[in-house]
Amino acid sequence: MPVKLVNTIRTKKGFGEAVAQRFATPKSVASAQGFIRMEVLINEKNHDYDEVKICTNWDTKSDFNAWFTSEEAVNTHKRVAKEEDSPMLGNDVSIYEVKYEHYPAVPAK
C-alpha cells in the first residue's frame, strides 16, 4: 500500500527558506527503490517559528524503511543533527496510508 511521510520541521523565525533550500537538489532518496516523489512545503505565517514540511511518497512503507535505515540516509541525518547553531527547533514525522488519489481528468494545456 502506498504511503506518504511528512517530516514537519520547525525552524527559528526567518530560517524556513534556508532549511527548505537544503532540499532543492535531489539526494540519495531520489534513486531509492519505491520512492515516488518529494514535495517541500513552507509556512512562514506563524509568529514564533517557520514550518517546513518534507513530504515523500513511497510505493510501500517497507521501501521507505529500507531507505531510511540505509547507511547513506543514516549518515545524512547524523550530519544534520550535529550542526551547531542549527536553526531547527524540532521536528515531527507522520506516516499516512494513501487511500485515494485523483488526477486531472483532462491533461492541462
PDB file of N, CA and C in Angstrom:
ATOM      1  N   MET A   1       0.847  -1.178   0.000  1.00  0.00           N
ATOM      2  CA  MET A   1       0.000   0.000   0.000  1.00  0.00           C
ATOM      3  C   MET A   1       0.897   1.248   0.000  1.00  0.00           C
ATOM      4  N   PRO A   2       0.630   2.227  -0.865  1.00  0.00           N
ATOM      5  CA  PRO A   2       1.426   3.457  -0.901  1.00  0.00           C
ATOM      6  C   PRO A   2       1.317   4.234   0.411  1.00  0.00           C
ATOM      7  N   VAL A   3       2.411   4.916   0.750  1.00  0.00           N
ATOM      8  CA  VAL A   3       2.428   5.739   1.957  1.00  0.00           C
ATOM      9  C   VAL A   3       3.021   7.107   1.648  1.00  0.00           C
ATOM     10  N   LYS A   4       2.629   8.076   2.473  1.00  0.00           N
ATOM     11  CA  LYS A   4       3.204   9.424   2.427  1.00  0.00           C
ATOM     12  C   LYS A   4       3.775   9.695   3.801  1.00  0.00           C
ATOM     13  N   LEU A   5       5.045  10.095   3.837  1.00  0.00           N
ATOM     14  CA  LEU A   5       5.678  10.502   5.083  1.00  0.00           C
ATOM     15  C   LEU A   5       5.804  12.007   5.079  1.00  0.00           C
ATOM     16  N   VAL A   6       5.452  12.622   6.187  1.00  0.00           N
ATOM     17  CA  VAL A   6       5.524  14.071   6.311  1.00  0.00           C
ATOM     18  C   VAL A   6       6.419  14.385   7.503  1.00  0.00           C
ATOM     19  N   ASN A   7       7.575  14.962   7.212  1.00  0.00           N
ATOM     20  CA  ASN A   7       8.503  15.402   8.246  1.00  0.00           C
ATOM     21  C   ASN A   7       8.276  16.899   8.425  1.00  0.00           C
ATOM     22  N   THR A   8       7.659  17.283   9.531  1.00  0.00           N
ATOM     23  CA  THR A   8       7.374  18.687   9.813  1.00  0.00           C
ATOM     24  C   THR A   8       8.503  19.239  10.661  1.00  0.00           C
ATOM     25  N   ILE A   9       9.248  20.178  10.095  1.00  0.00           N
ATOM     26  CA  ILE A   9      10.403  20.774  10.762  1.00  0.00           C
ATOM     27  C   ILE A   9      10.037  22.188  11.194  1.00  0.00           C
ATOM     28  N   ARG A  10      10.224  22.478  12.466  1.00  0.00           N
ATOM     29  CA  ARG A  10      10.041  23.834  12.980  1.00  0.00           C
ATOM     30  C   ARG A  10      11.414  24.499  13.055  1.00  0.00           C
ATOM     31  N   THR A  11      11.500  25.722  12.496  1.00  0.00           N
ATOM     32  CA  THR A  11      12.770  26.446  12.500  1.00  0.00           C
ATOM     33  C   THR A  11      12.608  27.784  13.205  1.00  0.00           C
ATOM     34  N   LYS A  12      13.732  28.346  13.574  1.00  0.00           N
ATOM     35  CA  LYS A  12      13.704  29.701  14.109  1.00  0.00           C
ATOM     36  C   LYS A  12      13.070  30.603  13.055  1.00  0.00           C
ATOM     37  N   LYS A  13      12.368  31.617  13.507  1.00  0.00           N
ATOM     38  CA  LYS A  13      11.686  32.549  12.608  1.00  0.00           C
ATOM     39  C   LYS A  13      12.686  33.125  11.608  1.00  0.00           C
ATOM     40  N   GLY A  14      12.318  33.091  10.337  1.00  0.00           N
ATOM     41  CA  GLY A  14      13.164  33.636   9.286  1.00  0.00           C
ATOM     42  C   GLY A  14      14.120  32.630   8.660  1.00  0.00           C
ATOM     43  N   PHE A  15      14.146  31.393   9.150  1.00  0.00           N
ATOM     44  CA  PHE A  15      15.066  30.385   8.633  1.00  0.00           C
ATOM     45  C   PHE A  15      14.385  29.316   7.783  1.00  0.00           C
ATOM     46  N   GLY A  16      13.080  29.388   7.616  1.00  0.00           N
ATOM     47  CA  GLY A  16      12.362  28.367   6.859  1.00  0.00           C
ATOM     48  C   GLY A  16      12.854  28.227   5.434  1.00  0.00           C
ATOM     49  N   GLU A  17      13.058  29.333   4.763  1.00  0.00           N
ATOM     50  CA  GLU A  17      13.508  29.297   3.367  1.00  0.00           C
ATOM     51  C   GLU A  17      14.883  28.650   3.254  1.00  0.00           C
ATOM     52  N   ALA A  18      15.792  28.965   4.160  1.00  0.00           N
ATOM     53  CA  ALA A  18      17.138  28.381   4.127  1.00  0.00           C
ATOM     54  C   ALA A  18      17.090  26.871   4.354  1.00  0.00           C
ATOM     55  N   VAL A  19      16.252  26.433   5.271  1.00  0.00           N
ATOM     56  CA  VAL A  19      16.122  24.997   5.522  1.00  0.00           C
ATOM     57  C   VAL A  19      15.486  24.316   4.314  1.00  0.00           C
ATOM     58  N   ALA A  20      14.452  24.911   3.747  1.00  0.00           N
ATOM     59  CA  ALA A  20      13.809  24.337   2.561  1.00  0.00           C
ATOM     60  C   ALA A  20      14.808  24.217   1.409  1.00  0.00           C
ATOM     61  N   GLN A  21      15.684  25.200   1.268  1.00  0.00           N
ATOM     62  CA  GLN A  21      16.671  25.215   0.184  1.00  0.00           C
ATOM     63  C   GLN A  21      17.591  23.992   0.235  1.00  0.00           C
ATOM     64  N   ARG A  22      17.802  23.431   1.417  1.00  0.00           N
ATOM     65  CA  ARG A  22      18.650  22.236   1.549  1.00  0.00           C
ATOM     66  C   ARG A  22      18.086  21.048   0.772  1.00  0.00           C
ATOM     67  N   PHE A  23      16.805  21.106   0.457  1.00  0.00           N
ATOM     68  CA  PHE A  23      16.145  20.006  -0.242  1.00  0.00           C
ATOM     69  C   PHE A  23      15.928  20.310  -1.724  1.00  0.00           C
ATOM     70  N   ALA A  24      16.499  21.407  -2.222  1.00  0.00           N
ATOM     71  CA  ALA A  24      16.282  21.820  -3.614  1.00  0.00           C
ATOM     72  C   ALA A  24      16.926  20.854  -4.610  1.00  0.00           C
ATOM     73  N   THR A  25      18.047  20.278  -4.242  1.00  0.00           N
ATOM     74  CA  THR A  25      18.750  19.350  -5.116  1.00  0.00           C
ATOM     75  C   THR A  25      18.461  17.920  -4.675  1.00  0.00           C
ATOM     76  N   PRO A  26      18.029  17.051  -5.589  1.00  0.00           N
ATOM     77  CA  PRO A  26      17.740  15.662  -5.205  1.00  0.00           C
ATOM     78  C   PRO A  26      18.965  14.977  -4.601  1.00  0.00           C
ATOM     79  N   LYS A  27      18.720  14.187  -3.574  1.00  0.00           N
ATOM     80  CA  LYS A  27      19.787  13.440  -2.901  1.00  0.00           C
ATOM     81  C   LYS A  27      19.545  11.947  -3.128  1.00  0.00           C
ATOM     82  N   SER A  28      20.129  11.114  -2.278  1.00  0.00           N
ATOM     83  CA  SER A  28      20.050   9.655  -2.445  1.00  0.00           C
ATOM     84  C   SER A  28      18.615   9.149  -2.459  1.00  0.00           C
ATOM     85  N   VAL A  29      17.734   9.845  -1.783  1.00  0.00           N
ATOM     86  CA  VAL A  29      16.344   9.394  -1.719  1.00  0.00           C
ATOM     87  C   VAL A  29      15.726   9.288  -3.114  1.00  0.00           C
ATOM     88  N   ALA A  30      16.154  10.136  -4.030  1.00  0.00           N
ATOM     89  CA  ALA A  30      15.553  10.174  -5.369  1.00  0.00           C
ATOM     90  C   ALA A  30      15.797   8.896  -6.165  1.00  0.00           C
ATOM     91  N   SER A  31      16.813   8.128  -5.791  1.00  0.00           N
ATOM     92  CA  SER A  31      17.090   6.882  -6.511  1.00  0.00           C
ATOM     93  C   SER A  31      16.758   5.645  -5.673  1.00  0.00           C
ATOM     94  N   ALA A  32      16.121   5.843  -4.542  1.00  0.00           N
ATOM     95  CA  ALA A  32      15.769   4.719  -3.670  1.00  0.00           C
ATOM     96  C   ALA A  32      14.630   3.903  -4.272  1.00  0.00           C
ATOM     97  N   GLN A  33      14.691   2.598  -4.063  1.00  0.00           N
ATOM     98  CA  GLN A  33      13.626   1.719  -4.544  1.00  0.00           C
ATOM     99  C   GLN A  33      12.308   2.101  -3.885  1.00  0.00           C
ATOM    100  N   GLY A  34      11.265   2.241  -4.687  1.00  0.00           N
ATOM    101  CA  GLY A  34       9.936   2.546  -4.172  1.00  0.00           C
ATOM    102  C   GLY A  34       9.649   4.020  -3.965  1.00  0.00           C
ATOM    103  N   PHE A  35      10.664   4.880  -4.139  1.00  0.00           N
ATOM    104  CA  PHE A  35      10.450   6.322  -3.992  1.00  0.00           C
ATOM    105  C   PHE A  35       9.620   6.816  -5.169  1.00  0.00           C
ATOM    106  N   ILE A  36       8.588   7.619  -4.875  1.00  0.00           N
ATOM    107  CA  ILE A  36       7.723   8.160  -5.925  1.00  0.00           C
ATOM    108  C   ILE A  36       8.004   9.640  -6.155  1.00  0.00           C
ATOM    109  N   ARG A  37       7.969  10.426  -5.083  1.00  0.00           N
ATOM    110  CA  ARG A  37       8.229  11.861  -5.249  1.00  0.00           C
ATOM    111  C   ARG A  37       8.439  12.524  -3.898  1.00  0.00           C
ATOM    112  N   MET A  38       8.979  13.745  -3.960  1.00  0.00           N
ATOM    113  CA  MET A  38       9.165  14.570  -2.773  1.00  0.00           C
ATOM    114  C   MET A  38       8.563  15.942  -3.038  1.00  0.00           C
ATOM    115  N   GLU A  39       7.911  16.480  -2.022  1.00  0.00           N
ATOM    116  CA  GLU A  39       7.412  17.854  -2.058  1.00  0.00           C
ATOM    117  C   GLU A  39       7.979  18.565  -0.836  1.00  0.00           C
ATOM    118  N   VAL A  40       8.392  19.806  -1.017  1.00  0.00           N
ATOM    119  CA  VAL A  40       8.881  20.619   0.093  1.00  0.00           C
ATOM    120  C   VAL A  40       7.941  21.811   0.224  1.00  0.00           C
ATOM    121  N   LEU A  41       7.274  21.894   1.366  1.00  0.00           N
ATOM    122  CA  LEU A  41       6.285  22.940   1.623  1.00  0.00           C
ATOM    123  C   LEU A  41       6.806  23.853   2.720  1.00  0.00           C
ATOM    124  N   ILE A  42       6.470  25.132   2.646  1.00  0.00           N
ATOM    125  CA  ILE A  42       6.920  26.074   3.667  1.00  0.00           C
ATOM    126  C   ILE A  42       5.747  26.936   4.125  1.00  0.00           C
ATOM    127  N   ASN A  43       5.703  27.169   5.419  1.00  0.00           N
ATOM    128  CA  ASN A  43       4.686  28.027   6.023  1.00  0.00           C
ATOM    129  C   ASN A  43       5.408  29.008   6.942  1.00  0.00           C
ATOM    130  N   GLU A  44       5.378  30.275   6.575  1.00  0.00           N
ATOM    131  CA  GLU A  44       6.034  31.317   7.365  1.00  0.00           C
ATOM    132  C   GLU A  44       5.019  32.183   8.098  1.00  0.00           C
ATOM    133  N   LYS A  45       3.777  31.728   8.191  1.00  0.00           N
ATOM    134  CA  LYS A  45       2.698  32.534   8.779  1.00  0.00           C
ATOM    135  C   LYS A  45       2.725  32.570  10.306  1.00  0.00           C
ATOM    136  N   ASN A  46       3.307  31.555  10.947  1.00  0.00           N
ATOM    137  CA  ASN A  46       3.350  31.523  12.405  1.00  0.00           C
ATOM    138  C   ASN A  46       4.249  32.646  12.914  1.00  0.00           C
ATOM    139  N   HIS A  47       3.868  33.279  13.999  1.00  0.00           N
ATOM    140  CA  HIS A  47       4.643  34.402  14.530  1.00  0.00           C
ATOM    141  C   HIS A  47       5.894  33.960  15.281  1.00  0.00           C
ATOM    142  N   ASP A  48       5.907  32.724  15.766  1.00  0.00           N
ATOM    143  CA  ASP A  48       7.004  32.265  16.615  1.00  0.00           C
ATOM    144  C   ASP A  48       8.066  31.460  15.878  1.00  0.00           C
ATOM    145  N   TYR A  49       7.705  30.798  14.796  1.00  0.00           N
ATOM    146  CA  TYR A  49       8.652  29.942  14.080  1.00  0.00           C
ATOM    147  C   TYR A  49       8.158  29.732  12.653  1.00  0.00           C
ATOM    148  N   ASP A  50       9.059  29.256  11.786  1.00  0.00           N
ATOM    149  CA  ASP A  50       8.690  28.847  10.431  1.00  0.00           C
ATOM    150  C   ASP A  50       8.506  27.332  10.441  1.00  0.00           C
ATOM    151  N   GLU A  51       7.768  26.844   9.476  1.00  0.00           N
ATOM    152  CA  GLU A  51       7.490  25.414   9.391  1.00  0.00           C
ATOM    153  C   GLU A  51       7.780  24.934   7.969  1.00  0.00           C
ATOM    154  N   VAL A  52       8.588  23.893   7.868  1.00  0.00           N
ATOM    155  CA  VAL A  52       8.910  23.282   6.583  1.00  0.00           C
ATOM    156  C   VAL A  52       8.429  21.838   6.639  1.00  0.00           C
ATOM    157  N   LYS A  53       7.671  21.427   5.636  1.00  0.00           N
ATOM    158  CA  LYS A  53       7.194  20.042   5.571  1.00  0.00           C
ATOM    159  C   LYS A  53       7.880  19.356   4.398  1.00  0.00           C
ATOM    160  N   ILE A  54       8.564  18.269   4.704  1.00  0.00           N
ATOM    161  CA  ILE A  54       9.186  17.447   3.681  1.00  0.00           C
ATOM    162  C   ILE A  54       8.281  16.233   3.511  1.00  0.00           C
ATOM    163  N   CYS A  55       7.614  16.159   2.375  1.00  0.00           N
ATOM    164  CA  CYS A  55       6.637  15.095   2.117  1.00  0.00           C
ATOM    165  C   CYS A  55       7.211  14.152   1.064  1.00  0.00           C
ATOM    166  N   THR A  56       7.307  12.878   1.411  1.00  0.00           N
ATOM    167  CA  THR A  56       7.775  11.892   0.443  1.00  0.00           C
ATOM    168  C   THR A  56       6.716  10.820   0.272  1.00  0.00           C
ATOM    169  N   ASN A  57       6.529  10.412  -0.967  1.00  0.00           N
ATOM    170  CA  ASN A  57       5.587   9.341  -1.293  1.00  0.00           C
ATOM    171  C   ASN A  57       6.382   8.101  -1.686  1.00  0.00           C
ATOM    172  N   TRP A  58       5.904   6.957  -1.187  1.00  0.00           N
ATOM    173  CA  TRP A  58       6.586   5.680  -1.398  1.00  0.00           C
ATOM    174  C   TRP A  58       5.586   4.621  -1.841  1.00  0.00           C
ATOM    175  N   ASP A  59       6.079   3.636  -2.607  1.00  0.00           N
ATOM    176  CA  ASP A  59       5.231   2.511  -3.008  1.00  0.00           C
ATOM    177  C   ASP A  59       4.742   1.743  -1.787  1.00  0.00           C
ATOM    178  N   THR A  60       5.642   1.531  -0.811  1.00  0.00           N
ATOM    179  CA  THR A  60       5.282   0.804   0.409  1.00  0.00           C
ATOM    180  C   THR A  60       6.051   1.375   1.593  1.00  0.00           C
ATOM    181  N   LYS A  61       5.558   1.112   2.780  1.00  0.00           N
ATOM    182  CA  LYS A  61       6.257   1.536   3.997  1.00  0.00           C
ATOM    183  C   LYS A  61       7.602   0.821   4.114  1.00  0.00           C
ATOM    184  N   SER A  62       7.670  -0.420   3.667  1.00  0.00           N
ATOM    185  CA  SER A  62       8.942  -1.144   3.745  1.00  0.00           C
ATOM    186  C   SER A  62       9.987  -0.539   2.806  1.00  0.00           C
ATOM    187  N   ASP A  63       9.567   0.027   1.669  1.00  0.00           N
ATOM    188  CA  ASP A  63      10.513   0.742   0.797  1.00  0.00           C
ATOM    189  C   ASP A  63      11.103   1.937   1.535  1.00  0.00           C
ATOM    190  N   PHE A  64      10.246   2.696   2.209  1.00  0.00           N
ATOM    191  CA  PHE A  64      10.741   3.832   2.987  1.00  0.00           C
ATOM    192  C   PHE A  64      11.705   3.353   4.063  1.00  0.00           C
ATOM    193  N   ASN A  65      11.318   2.334   4.822  1.00  0.00           N
ATOM    194  CA  ASN A  65      12.167   1.836   5.909  1.00  0.00           C
ATOM    195  C   ASN A  65      13.523   1.372   5.399  1.00  0.00           C
ATOM    196  N   ALA A  66      13.547   0.723   4.237  1.00  0.00           N
ATOM    197  CA  ALA A  66      14.813   0.269   3.653  1.00  0.00           C
ATOM    198  C   ALA A  66      15.716   1.458   3.355  1.00  0.00           C
ATOM    199  N   TRP A  67      15.155   2.528   2.791  1.00  0.00           N
ATOM    200  CA  TRP A  67      15.969   3.713   2.521  1.00  0.00           C
ATOM    201  C   TRP A  67      16.381   4.389   3.825  1.00  0.00           C
ATOM    202  N   PHE A  68      15.445   4.570   4.749  1.00  0.00           N
ATOM    203  CA  PHE A  68      15.711   5.320   5.980  1.00  0.00           C
ATOM    204  C   PHE A  68      16.783   4.659   6.829  1.00  0.00           C
ATOM    205  N   THR A  69      16.887   3.344   6.784  1.00  0.00           N
ATOM    206  CA  THR A  69      17.898   2.640   7.574  1.00  0.00           C
ATOM    207  C   THR A  69      19.178   2.383   6.783  1.00  0.00           C
ATOM    208  N   SER A  70      19.238   2.846   5.534  1.00  0.00           N
ATOM    209  CA  SER A  70      20.446   2.673   4.723  1.00  0.00           C
ATOM    210  C   SER A  70      21.573   3.528   5.292  1.00  0.00           C
ATOM    211  N   GLU A  71      22.802   3.108   5.024  1.00  0.00           N
ATOM    212  CA  GLU A  71      23.977   3.819   5.539  1.00  0.00           C
ATOM    213  C   GLU A  71      23.986   5.278   5.089  1.00  0.00           C
ATOM    214  N   GLU A  72      23.668   5.518   3.837  1.00  0.00           N
ATOM    215  CA  GLU A  72      23.689   6.888   3.313  1.00  0.00           C
ATOM    216  C   GLU A  72      22.660   7.777   4.010  1.00  0.00           C
ATOM    217  N   ALA A  73      21.456   7.280   4.203  1.00  0.00           N
ATOM    218  CA  ALA A  73      20.415   8.071   4.875  1.00  0.00           C
ATOM    219  C   ALA A  73      20.780   8.324   6.329  1.00  0.00           C
ATOM    220  N   VAL A  74      21.290   7.305   7.006  1.00  0.00           N
ATOM    221  CA  VAL A  74      21.680   7.460   8.413  1.00  0.00           C
ATOM    222  C   VAL A  74      22.778   8.507   8.536  1.00  0.00           C
ATOM    223  N   ASN A  75      23.786   8.455   7.660  1.00  0.00           N
ATOM    224  CA  ASN A  75      24.882   9.428   7.713  1.00  0.00           C
ATOM    225  C   ASN A  75      24.407  10.838   7.415  1.00  0.00           C
ATOM    226  N   THR A  76      23.492  10.987   6.473  1.00  0.00           N
ATOM    227  CA  THR A  76      22.947  12.312   6.159  1.00  0.00           C
ATOM    228  C   THR A  76      22.250  12.903   7.371  1.00  0.00           C
ATOM    229  N   HIS A  77      21.438  12.113   8.040  1.00  0.00           N
ATOM    230  CA  HIS A  77      20.707  12.618   9.201  1.00  0.00           C
ATOM    231  C   HIS A  77      21.630  12.878  10.382  1.00  0.00           C
ATOM    232  N   LYS A  78      22.733  12.150  10.500  1.00  0.00           N
ATOM    233  CA  LYS A  78      23.714  12.413  11.564  1.00  0.00           C
ATOM    234  C   LYS A  78      24.358  13.772  11.355  1.00  0.00           C
ATOM    235  N   ARG A  79      24.714  14.087  10.097  1.00  0.00           N
ATOM    236  CA  ARG A  79      25.356  15.381   9.810  1.00  0.00           C
ATOM    237  C   ARG A  79      24.438  16.530  10.200  1.00  0.00           C
ATOM    238  N   VAL A  80      23.169  16.416   9.885  1.00  0.00           N
ATOM    239  CA  VAL A  80      22.214  17.475  10.224  1.00  0.00           C
ATOM    240  C   VAL A  80      22.099  17.613  11.733  1.00  0.00           C
ATOM    241  N   ALA A  81      22.054  16.505  12.444  1.00  0.00           N
ATOM    242  CA  ALA A  81      21.879  16.533  13.897  1.00  0.00           C
ATOM    243  C   ALA A  81      23.065  17.164  14.606  1.00  0.00           C
ATOM    244  N   LYS A  82      24.260  17.118  14.011  1.00  0.00           N
ATOM    245  CA  LYS A  82      25.462  17.617  14.673  1.00  0.00           C
ATOM    246  C   LYS A  82      25.741  19.095  14.400  1.00  0.00           C
ATOM    247  N   GLU A  83      25.002  19.716  13.526  1.00  0.00           N
ATOM    248  CA  GLU A  83      25.268  21.111  13.201  1.00  0.00           C
ATOM    249  C   GLU A  83      25.095  21.995  14.425  1.00  0.00           C
ATOM    250  N   GLU A  84      26.108  22.812  14.675  1.00  0.00           N
ATOM    251  CA  GLU A  84      25.990  23.770  15.772  1.00  0.00           C
ATOM    252  C   GLU A  84      25.227  24.981  15.263  1.00  0.00           C
ATOM    253  N   ASP A  85      24.616  25.691  16.171  1.00  0.00           N
ATOM    254  CA  ASP A  85      23.818  26.866  15.813  1.00  0.00           C
ATOM    255  C   ASP A  85      22.743  26.520  14.785  1.00  0.00           C
ATOM    256  N   SER A  86      22.203  25.337  14.885  1.00  0.00           N
ATOM    257  CA  SER A  86      21.171  24.900  13.949  1.00  0.00           C
ATOM    258  C   SER A  86      19.930  25.770  14.093  1.00  0.00           C
ATOM    259  N   PRO A  87      19.330  26.151  12.958  1.00  0.00           N
ATOM    260  CA  PRO A  87      18.088  26.918  13.026  1.00  0.00           C
ATOM    261  C   PRO A  87      16.878  26.039  13.344  1.00  0.00           C
ATOM    262  N   MET A  88      17.080  24.724  13.390  1.00  0.00           N
ATOM    263  CA  MET A  88      15.960  23.810  13.614  1.00  0.00           C
ATOM    264  C   MET A  88      15.601  23.733  15.092  1.00  0.00           C
ATOM    265  N   LEU A  89      14.314  23.892  15.365  1.00  0.00           N
ATOM    266  CA  LEU A  89      13.805  23.831  16.736  1.00  0.00           C
ATOM    267  C   LEU A  89      13.311  22.435  17.093  1.00  0.00           C
ATOM    268  N   GLY A  90      12.943  21.656  16.103  1.00  0.00           N
ATOM    269  CA  GLY A  90      12.435  20.307  16.336  1.00  0.00           C
ATOM    270  C   GLY A  90      11.683  19.820  15.120  1.00  0.00           C
ATOM    271  N   ASN A  91      11.274  18.562  15.178  1.00  0.00           N
ATOM    272  CA  ASN A  91      10.509  18.013  14.062  1.00  0.00           C
ATOM    273  C   ASN A  91       9.594  16.894  14.542  1.00  0.00           C
ATOM    274  N   ASP A  92       8.600  16.606  13.733  1.00  0.00           N
ATOM    275  CA  ASP A  92       7.667  15.505  13.953  1.00  0.00           C
ATOM    276  C   ASP A  92       7.490  14.782  12.624  1.00  0.00           C
ATOM    277  N   VAL A  93       7.466  13.466  12.672  1.00  0.00           N
ATOM    278  CA  VAL A  93       7.271  12.673  11.464  1.00  0.00           C
ATOM    279  C   VAL A  93       5.939  11.942  11.564  1.00  0.00           C
ATOM    280  N   SER A  94       5.136  12.068  10.523  1.00  0.00           N
ATOM    281  CA  SER A  94       3.849  11.375  10.445  1.00  0.00           C
ATOM    282  C   SER A  94       3.850  10.487   9.208  1.00  0.00           C
ATOM    283  N   ILE A  95       3.233   9.317   9.338  1.00  0.00           N
ATOM    284  CA  ILE A  95       3.132   8.379   8.228  1.00  0.00           C
ATOM    285  C   ILE A  95       1.652   8.161   7.926  1.00  0.00           C
ATOM    286  N   TYR A  96       1.298   8.323   6.660  1.00  0.00           N
ATOM    287  CA  TYR A  96      -0.090   8.178   6.230  1.00  0.00           C
ATOM    288  C   TYR A  96      -0.180   7.112   5.154  1.00  0.00           C
ATOM    289  N   GLU A  97      -1.201   6.269   5.224  1.00  0.00           N
ATOM    290  CA  GLU A  97      -1.508   5.373   4.119  1.00  0.00           C
ATOM    291  C   GLU A  97      -2.274   6.184   3.082  1.00  0.00           C
ATOM    292  N   VAL A  98      -1.879   6.056   1.831  1.00  0.00           N
ATOM    293  CA  VAL A  98      -2.574   6.755   0.753  1.00  0.00           C
ATOM    294  C   VAL A  98      -3.762   5.888   0.350  1.00  0.00           C
ATOM    295  N   LYS A  99      -4.948   6.369   0.632  1.00  0.00           N
ATOM    296  CA  LYS A  99      -6.163   5.610   0.324  1.00  0.00           C
ATOM    297  C   LYS A  99      -6.675   5.899  -1.083  1.00  0.00           C
ATOM    298  N   TYR A 100      -6.665   7.164  -1.470  1.00  0.00           N
ATOM    299  CA  TYR A 100      -7.194   7.548  -2.776  1.00  0.00           C
ATOM    300  C   TYR A 100      -6.338   8.661  -3.348  1.00  0.00           C
ATOM    301  N   GLU A 101      -6.215   8.668  -4.669  1.00  0.00           N
ATOM    302  CA  GLU A 101      -5.547   9.748  -5.385  1.00  0.00           C
ATOM    303  C   GLU A 101      -6.417  10.108  -6.579  1.00  0.00           C
ATOM    304  N   HIS A 102      -6.456  11.364  -6.909  1.00  0.00           N
ATOM    305  CA  HIS A 102      -7.192  11.826  -8.080  1.00  0.00           C
ATOM    306  C   HIS A 102      -6.258  12.684  -8.919  1.00  0.00           C
ATOM    307  N   TYR A 103      -6.365  12.540 -10.201  1.00  0.00           N
ATOM    308  CA  TYR A 103      -5.561  13.305 -11.144  1.00  0.00           C
ATOM    309  C   TYR A 103      -6.503  14.028 -12.093  1.00  0.00           C
ATOM    310  N   PRO A 104      -6.016  15.037 -12.809  1.00  0.00           N
ATOM    311  CA  PRO A 104      -6.889  15.745 -13.743  1.00  0.00           C
ATOM    312  C   PRO A 104      -7.509  14.778 -14.752  1.00  0.00           C
ATOM    313  N   ALA A 105      -8.795  14.956 -15.016  1.00  0.00           N
ATOM    314  CA  ALA A 105      -9.488  14.109 -15.989  1.00  0.00           C
ATOM    315  C   ALA A 105      -8.987  14.394 -17.395  1.00  0.00           C
ATOM    316  N   VAL A 106      -8.646  15.644 -17.636  1.00  0.00           N
ATOM    317  CA  VAL A 106      -8.128  16.066 -18.929  1.00  0.00           C
ATOM    318  C   VAL A 106      -6.785  16.737 -18.675  1.00  0.00           C
ATOM    319  N   PRO A 107      -5.739  16.323 -19.373  1.00  0.00           N
ATOM    320  CA  PRO A 107      -4.434  16.947 -19.157  1.00  0.00           C
ATOM    321  C   PRO A 107      -4.500  18.459 -19.361  1.00  0.00           C
ATOM    322  N   ALA A 108      -3.792  19.184 -18.513  1.00  0.00           N
ATOM    323  CA  ALA A 108      -3.739  20.646 -18.628  1.00  0.00           C
ATOM    324  C   ALA A 108      -3.044  21.032 -19.921  1.00  0.00           C
ATOM    325  N   LYS A 109      -3.494  22.146 -20.507  1.00  0.00           N
ATOM    326  CA  LYS A 109      -2.888  22.624 -21.762  1.00  0.00           C
ATOM    327  C   LYS A 109      -1.958  23.762 -21.499  1.00  0.00           C
TER     328      LYS A 109
END
